[in-house]
Amino acid sequence: MSTFAKKHPLPHTLTGFTVVDFPASQRLQMVTLDEATVAAFAQSVADWSVQGIEYKPFLRFEVADRLDKITGYTLGKCLNDIVRDRATGAFLLNYQGDPGVEDGEARTEFEVKLSTAISHIIGLSNHDAMYGQYYARFTVRNVDDSDSYLRKAHRRMELHNDGTYVNERTDYVLMQKLKEENMQGGNSLLLHVDDWADRDTFIQHPLAKENIVWGAPKSKNVDIKVEHPVFFEEDADGNPMMLYIDQFAEPSNKAQGKYLFDMGESLEADPNYLSVPMPVGSMLVIHNHVWLHGRDKFVSHPGLCRELLRQRGHFTD
């Protein structure tokens, strides 16, 4: 039994899935759906296309309910407890067995349905302007000419929070691996705010609560700019919540620039991060304001290709 499961006992036994600690950290929980759960879920949503789920937003919650019901409504309680508890706040979800669909776009459709179920068990996904849906799909290749680090294969994507440049609240981020070819490296990187050695130094800085302007490159399809501090609010216990990314901050003066530079240097030098490999089909779900995330660089290969799916949204009660 995981450390988390001992702390958050359910009223009855987990049905159709298991939970264990990630080997390198008791914060990150590993959730595995069993073969029977996956088969039952695939059958229960087989009549709905992804296009139908895109066109009818209420179907996203029905997809979520079908999965939760299969587990006797133990999955929803467990996932919400994990992601909303600051001591954990993240899970890596995998599944066993074969959903009974062919590889290719049919398999991808199943993966989109599964990620939709998970995201709408814990909240409501925001519109992703980059892709034009409640989710985004994008590909990382060996060569890239985009205007942000998202698709840059040969450098480390620095630790950050999502949702810095939008008006919508971004409580959670879901990242799912849809497929990969000729890939080595590229592990997901995670750092919990409370494990950051220099956290209190930056919280106590005079600029910690000062508004900073945040924008985005053209590929994000978001024209507005927003203002908020890096430490934009506290949780119910008074602990800091973060909203930071190095690429999209637009400091107004030298002091802000220095503060952001030093913060980035500190985060990247911190040894307390996790390096998380993700098999195809797996998804990583994090509390966006208590975990920073990034990506390690890939080993160069002419045929390198990784397709990812992202959902970002807010909690619902």
Protein backbone atom coordinates (compact mmCIF):
# COMPACT_ATOMS: atom_id res chain seq x y z
CA MET A 1 0.00 0.00 0.00
CA SER A 2 1.26 3.47 -0.84
CA THR A 3 2.07 6.09 1.79
CA PHE A 4 -0.78 8.16 0.40
CA ALA A 5 -3.31 5.33 0.64
CA LYS A 6 -2.49 4.86 4.32
CA LYS A 7 -3.09 8.58 4.94
CA HIS A 8 -6.35 8.72 2.93
CA PRO A 9 -8.29 5.50 3.60
CA LEU A 10 -11.31 4.98 1.36
CA PRO A 11 -14.59 3.75 2.83
CA HIS A 12 -14.12 0.52 0.87
CA THR A 13 -11.46 -1.29 -1.15
CA LEU A 14 -10.06 0.22 -4.34
CA THR A 15 -11.82 -1.37 -7.28
CA GLY A 16 -10.14 -1.91 -10.62
CA PHE A 17 -6.88 -0.04 -9.97
CA THR A 18 -3.85 0.11 -7.67
CA VAL A 19 -1.85 2.96 -6.11
CA VAL A 20 1.82 2.82 -5.11
CA ASP A 21 4.56 5.35 -4.41
CA PHE A 22 6.87 6.41 -7.24
CA PRO A 23 10.23 4.75 -6.42
CA ALA A 24 12.08 8.06 -5.97
CA SER A 25 9.41 9.98 -4.06
CA GLN A 26 6.42 9.40 -1.82
CA ARG A 27 4.85 12.56 -3.21
CA LEU A 28 4.26 11.24 -6.72
CA GLN A 29 1.70 8.43 -6.79
CA MET A 30 1.57 5.73 -9.47
CA VAL A 31 -1.98 4.73 -10.39
CA THR A 32 -2.52 1.66 -12.60
CA LEU A 33 -5.90 0.75 -14.09
CA ASP A 34 -6.28 -3.01 -14.40
CA GLU A 35 -7.10 -4.88 -17.59
CA ALA A 36 -10.79 -5.43 -16.76
CA THR A 37 -11.30 -1.73 -16.00
CA VAL A 38 -9.70 -0.69 -19.29
CA ALA A 39 -11.76 -3.16 -21.32
CA ALA A 40 -15.00 -2.12 -19.63
CA PHE A 41 -14.24 1.57 -20.12
CA ALA A 42 -13.35 1.11 -23.80
CA GLN A 43 -16.62 -0.71 -24.40
CA SER A 44 -18.69 1.85 -22.46
CA VAL A 45 -17.48 4.78 -24.62
CA ALA A 46 -17.08 2.95 -27.95
CA ASP A 47 -20.17 4.58 -29.48
CA TRP A 48 -18.85 8.12 -29.00
CA SER A 49 -16.26 9.56 -31.35
CA VAL A 50 -13.75 12.12 -30.17
CA GLN A 51 -15.43 14.57 -32.52
CA GLY A 52 -18.71 14.04 -30.67
CA ILE A 53 -16.99 14.65 -27.35
CA GLU A 54 -15.48 17.83 -28.77
CA TYR A 55 -18.85 19.07 -30.05
CA LYS A 56 -20.85 18.18 -26.91
CA PRO A 57 -19.04 19.31 -23.75
CA PHE A 58 -21.46 17.47 -21.44
CA LEU A 59 -20.23 14.18 -22.90
CA ARG A 60 -16.84 14.82 -21.29
CA PHE A 61 -18.39 14.49 -17.85
CA GLU A 62 -20.35 11.41 -18.92
CA VAL A 63 -17.12 9.79 -20.13
CA ALA A 64 -15.61 10.57 -16.73
CA ASP A 65 -18.59 9.14 -14.89
CA ARG A 66 -18.51 5.90 -16.92
CA LEU A 67 -14.90 5.29 -15.82
CA ASP A 68 -15.54 6.24 -12.21
CA LYS A 69 -18.63 4.02 -12.06
CA ILE A 70 -16.64 1.01 -13.28
CA THR A 71 -14.38 1.42 -10.24
CA GLY A 72 -17.31 1.72 -7.84
CA TYR A 73 -16.63 5.46 -7.63
CA THR A 74 -13.37 4.81 -5.79
CA LEU A 75 -11.15 6.17 -8.58
CA GLY A 76 -12.60 9.67 -8.48
CA LYS A 77 -12.21 10.01 -4.74
CA CYS A 78 -8.66 8.66 -4.86
CA LEU A 79 -7.47 10.88 -7.72
CA ASN A 80 -9.02 14.00 -6.21
CA ASP A 81 -7.47 13.23 -2.83
CA ILE A 82 -4.05 12.78 -4.44
CA VAL A 83 -4.04 15.88 -6.61
CA ARG A 84 -5.56 18.24 -4.02
CA ASP A 85 -3.37 17.16 -1.11
CA ARG A 86 -0.34 19.43 -1.08
CA ALA A 87 1.84 16.64 0.33
CA THR A 88 1.32 14.67 -2.91
CA GLY A 89 -0.40 16.71 -5.62
CA ALA A 90 0.60 14.51 -8.57
CA PHE A 91 0.01 11.09 -10.06
CA LEU A 92 1.35 9.07 -12.98
CA LEU A 93 -1.45 6.98 -14.49
CA ASN A 94 -0.85 3.83 -16.54
CA TYR A 95 -3.12 1.03 -17.63
CA GLN A 96 -2.81 -2.70 -18.19
CA GLY A 97 -4.12 -4.76 -21.06
CA ASP A 98 -5.32 -3.84 -24.52
CA PRO A 99 -8.36 -1.59 -25.03
CA GLY A 100 -9.31 -3.66 -28.07
CA VAL A 101 -8.67 -1.04 -30.75
CA GLU A 102 -6.19 -1.03 -33.61
CA ASP A 103 -3.00 0.99 -33.44
CA GLY A 104 -2.99 4.34 -35.20
CA GLU A 105 -5.73 6.95 -35.00
CA ALA A 106 -8.22 4.52 -33.39
CA ARG A 107 -5.78 3.93 -30.54
CA THR A 108 -5.20 7.67 -30.25
CA GLU A 109 -8.96 8.23 -30.01
CA PHE A 110 -9.08 5.82 -27.08
CA GLU A 111 -6.22 7.67 -25.39
CA VAL A 112 -8.04 11.00 -25.83
CA LYS A 113 -11.17 9.51 -24.28
CA LEU A 114 -9.19 8.13 -21.33
CA SER A 115 -7.42 11.43 -20.67
CA THR A 116 -10.77 13.21 -20.96
CA ALA A 117 -12.22 10.90 -18.32
CA ILE A 118 -9.33 11.55 -15.94
CA SER A 119 -9.32 15.32 -16.41
CA HIS A 120 -13.09 15.59 -15.93
CA ILE A 121 -13.03 13.38 -12.86
CA ILE A 122 -10.90 16.03 -11.17
CA GLY A 123 -12.11 19.21 -12.87
CA LEU A 124 -12.98 21.00 -16.10
CA SER A 125 -10.44 21.44 -18.89
CA ASN A 126 -10.00 24.94 -20.26
CA HIS A 127 -10.06 25.79 -23.96
CA ASP A 128 -6.54 25.42 -25.37
CA ALA A 129 -6.13 28.19 -27.92
CA MET A 130 -2.98 26.65 -29.38
CA TYR A 131 -4.96 23.67 -30.72
CA GLY A 132 -8.49 25.07 -30.66
CA GLN A 133 -10.01 22.41 -28.41
CA TYR A 134 -10.32 21.55 -24.72
CA TYR A 135 -7.04 19.67 -25.26
CA ALA A 136 -3.95 20.14 -27.40
CA ARG A 137 -1.99 17.63 -29.46
CA PHE A 138 1.52 18.48 -30.60
CA THR A 139 4.59 16.70 -31.90
CA VAL A 140 8.27 16.98 -30.99
CA ARG A 141 10.65 16.16 -33.83
CA ASN A 142 14.40 16.20 -34.36
CA VAL A 143 14.27 19.55 -36.20
CA ASP A 144 12.04 22.45 -35.16
CA ASP A 145 11.55 26.12 -36.04
CA SER A 146 8.75 27.02 -33.58
CA ASP A 147 8.72 30.10 -31.35
CA SER A 148 8.86 28.44 -27.91
CA TYR A 149 10.74 25.64 -26.18
CA LEU A 150 7.74 23.29 -26.22
CA ARG A 151 8.92 21.48 -29.37
CA LYS A 152 12.69 21.96 -28.99
CA ALA A 153 14.02 18.41 -28.71
CA HIS A 154 17.69 19.07 -27.98
CA ARG A 155 17.51 21.28 -24.91
CA ARG A 156 16.08 20.94 -21.46
CA MET A 157 12.73 22.69 -21.06
CA GLU A 158 13.11 24.61 -17.81
CA LEU A 159 10.89 24.05 -14.78
CA HIS A 160 7.72 26.15 -14.88
CA ASN A 161 4.00 26.38 -14.18
CA ASP A 162 1.40 26.46 -16.97
CA GLY A 163 -1.31 29.08 -17.41
CA THR A 164 0.82 32.14 -16.68
CA TYR A 165 -0.43 34.12 -19.68
CA VAL A 166 -4.18 33.34 -19.66
CA ASN A 167 -7.13 34.64 -17.66
CA GLU A 168 -8.50 31.17 -16.89
CA ARG A 169 -7.48 29.53 -13.65
CA THR A 170 -5.12 26.61 -14.28
CA ASP A 171 -5.24 24.35 -11.22
CA TYR A 172 -4.10 21.17 -12.95
CA VAL A 173 -2.09 20.04 -15.94
CA LEU A 174 -2.45 16.64 -17.62
CA MET A 175 0.28 15.47 -19.99
CA GLN A 176 -0.17 12.22 -21.93
CA LYS A 177 2.20 10.44 -24.29
CA LEU A 178 0.31 9.33 -27.42
CA LYS A 179 3.17 7.82 -29.43
CA GLU A 180 6.93 7.92 -29.94
CA GLU A 181 9.51 6.76 -32.44
CA ASN A 182 13.31 6.66 -32.23
CA MET A 183 13.20 8.33 -28.84
CA GLN A 184 15.80 8.28 -26.11
CA GLY A 185 15.72 10.73 -23.20
CA GLY A 186 13.04 13.38 -22.81
CA ASN A 187 11.92 12.36 -19.32
CA SER A 188 9.40 14.60 -17.58
CA LEU A 189 10.98 16.72 -14.84
CA LEU A 190 9.10 17.67 -11.65
CA LEU A 191 9.93 19.82 -8.63
CA HIS A 192 7.53 20.30 -5.72
CA VAL A 193 7.50 23.88 -4.47
CA ASP A 194 8.09 22.70 -0.90
CA ASP A 195 11.17 20.71 -1.96
CA TRP A 196 12.82 23.73 -3.61
CA ALA A 197 15.75 24.57 -1.35
CA ASP A 198 15.64 28.33 -2.02
CA ARG A 199 11.85 28.67 -1.84
CA ASP A 200 11.74 30.87 1.26
CA THR A 201 14.46 33.18 -0.07
CA PHE A 202 12.29 34.07 -3.06
CA ILE A 203 9.03 34.18 -1.08
CA GLN A 204 10.54 36.72 1.33
CA HIS A 205 11.93 38.89 -1.48
CA PRO A 206 10.32 42.36 -1.85
CA LEU A 207 9.20 41.45 -5.39
CA ALA A 208 7.50 38.19 -4.44
CA LYS A 209 4.06 39.84 -4.43
CA GLU A 210 4.67 42.46 -7.13
CA ASN A 211 2.71 42.14 -10.38
CA ILE A 212 4.72 41.04 -13.41
CA VAL A 213 3.48 41.16 -17.01
CA TRP A 214 3.14 37.81 -18.80
CA GLY A 215 2.59 37.31 -22.53
CA ALA A 216 2.95 34.50 -25.07
CA PRO A 217 4.45 33.92 -28.55
CA LYS A 218 2.20 33.86 -31.63
CA SER A 219 1.95 30.05 -31.72
CA LYS A 220 -0.11 30.11 -28.51
CA ASN A 221 -2.90 32.11 -30.24
CA VAL A 222 -3.38 34.27 -27.13
CA ASP A 223 -3.11 38.00 -27.82
CA ILE A 224 -3.73 39.38 -24.34
CA LYS A 225 -1.20 40.06 -21.62
CA VAL A 226 -1.93 39.45 -17.95
CA GLU A 227 -0.40 40.67 -14.70
CA HIS A 228 0.14 38.69 -11.52
CA PRO A 229 2.93 37.97 -9.02
CA VAL A 230 4.96 34.77 -9.14
CA PHE A 231 3.60 33.85 -5.71
CA PHE A 232 0.06 34.80 -6.62
CA GLU A 233 -1.82 33.30 -3.65
CA GLU A 234 -1.64 30.98 -0.63
CA ASP A 235 -3.49 27.74 0.05
CA ALA A 236 -5.85 27.25 3.01
CA ASP A 237 -2.88 26.65 5.31
CA GLY A 238 -0.99 29.74 4.17
CA ASN A 239 1.50 27.89 1.96
CA PRO A 240 2.67 29.58 -1.26
CA MET A 241 1.22 28.82 -4.68
CA MET A 242 3.28 29.59 -7.79
CA LEU A 243 2.58 30.83 -11.31
CA TYR A 244 5.92 31.20 -13.12
CA ILE A 245 7.54 30.50 -16.48
CA ASP A 246 10.83 31.93 -17.67
CA GLN A 247 9.90 32.18 -21.38
CA PHE A 248 6.83 34.38 -21.09
CA ALA A 249 7.66 36.82 -18.28
CA GLU A 250 8.04 40.45 -19.43
CA PRO A 251 9.85 42.29 -16.62
CA SER A 252 9.21 46.02 -16.45
CA ASN A 253 12.55 46.97 -14.93
CA LYS A 254 16.00 45.73 -13.98
CA ALA A 255 14.91 44.66 -10.48
CA GLN A 256 12.19 42.39 -11.84
CA GLY A 257 14.58 41.01 -14.44
CA LYS A 258 17.18 40.19 -11.81
CA TYR A 259 14.59 38.56 -9.54
CA LEU A 260 13.34 36.32 -12.37
CA PHE A 261 16.85 35.49 -13.55
CA ASP A 262 17.98 34.44 -10.08
CA MET A 263 14.79 32.39 -9.62
CA GLY A 264 15.37 30.52 -12.86
CA GLU A 265 18.99 29.81 -11.97
CA SER A 266 17.96 28.51 -8.55
CA LEU A 267 15.23 26.24 -9.90
CA GLU A 268 17.44 24.70 -12.56
CA ALA A 269 20.26 24.09 -10.08
CA ASP A 270 18.03 22.50 -7.44
CA PRO A 271 18.86 18.80 -6.96
CA ASN A 272 15.44 17.83 -5.55
CA TYR A 273 13.67 17.36 -8.88
CA LEU A 274 12.23 14.07 -10.12
CA SER A 275 13.03 12.57 -13.52
CA VAL A 276 9.98 10.59 -14.64
CA PRO A 277 9.95 8.25 -17.67
CA MET A 278 6.51 7.94 -19.30
CA PRO A 279 5.50 4.90 -21.36
CA VAL A 280 3.23 5.43 -24.37
CA GLY A 281 -0.37 5.78 -23.16
CA SER A 282 0.59 6.98 -19.70
CA MET A 283 -0.34 10.38 -18.35
CA LEU A 284 1.08 12.66 -15.68
CA VAL A 285 -1.38 14.83 -13.75
CA ILE A 286 -0.09 17.54 -11.40
CA HIS A 287 -1.41 20.31 -9.19
CA ASN A 288 -0.09 23.17 -11.27
CA HIS A 289 0.53 25.60 -8.43
CA VAL A 290 2.51 23.29 -6.13
CA TRP A 291 4.52 21.42 -8.77
CA LEU A 292 6.80 22.90 -11.43
CA HIS A 293 7.36 20.74 -14.49
CA GLY A 294 9.75 20.59 -17.41
CA ARG A 295 11.32 18.10 -19.81
CA ASP A 296 14.81 16.72 -20.24
CA LYS A 297 16.49 16.90 -23.64
CA PHE A 298 16.29 14.09 -26.21
CA VAL A 299 19.13 12.21 -27.84
CA SER A 300 19.32 13.40 -31.43
CA HIS A 301 17.95 11.02 -34.09
CA PRO A 302 16.79 11.90 -37.63
CA GLY A 303 13.54 10.00 -37.12
CA LEU A 304 12.76 11.25 -33.63
CA CYS A 305 9.02 11.76 -33.15
CA ARG A 306 6.96 12.10 -29.98
CA GLU A 307 3.29 13.09 -29.96
CA LEU A 308 1.85 14.47 -26.74
CA LEU A 309 -1.57 15.47 -25.50
CA ARG A 310 -2.14 18.24 -22.94
CA GLN A 311 -5.15 19.26 -20.92
CA ARG A 312 -5.15 22.18 -18.49
CA GLY A 313 -8.06 23.22 -16.32
CA HIS A 314 -9.54 24.11 -12.98
CA PHE A 315 -10.91 22.06 -10.12
CA THR A 316 -14.66 21.62 -9.74
CA ASP A 317 -16.55 20.59 -6.62
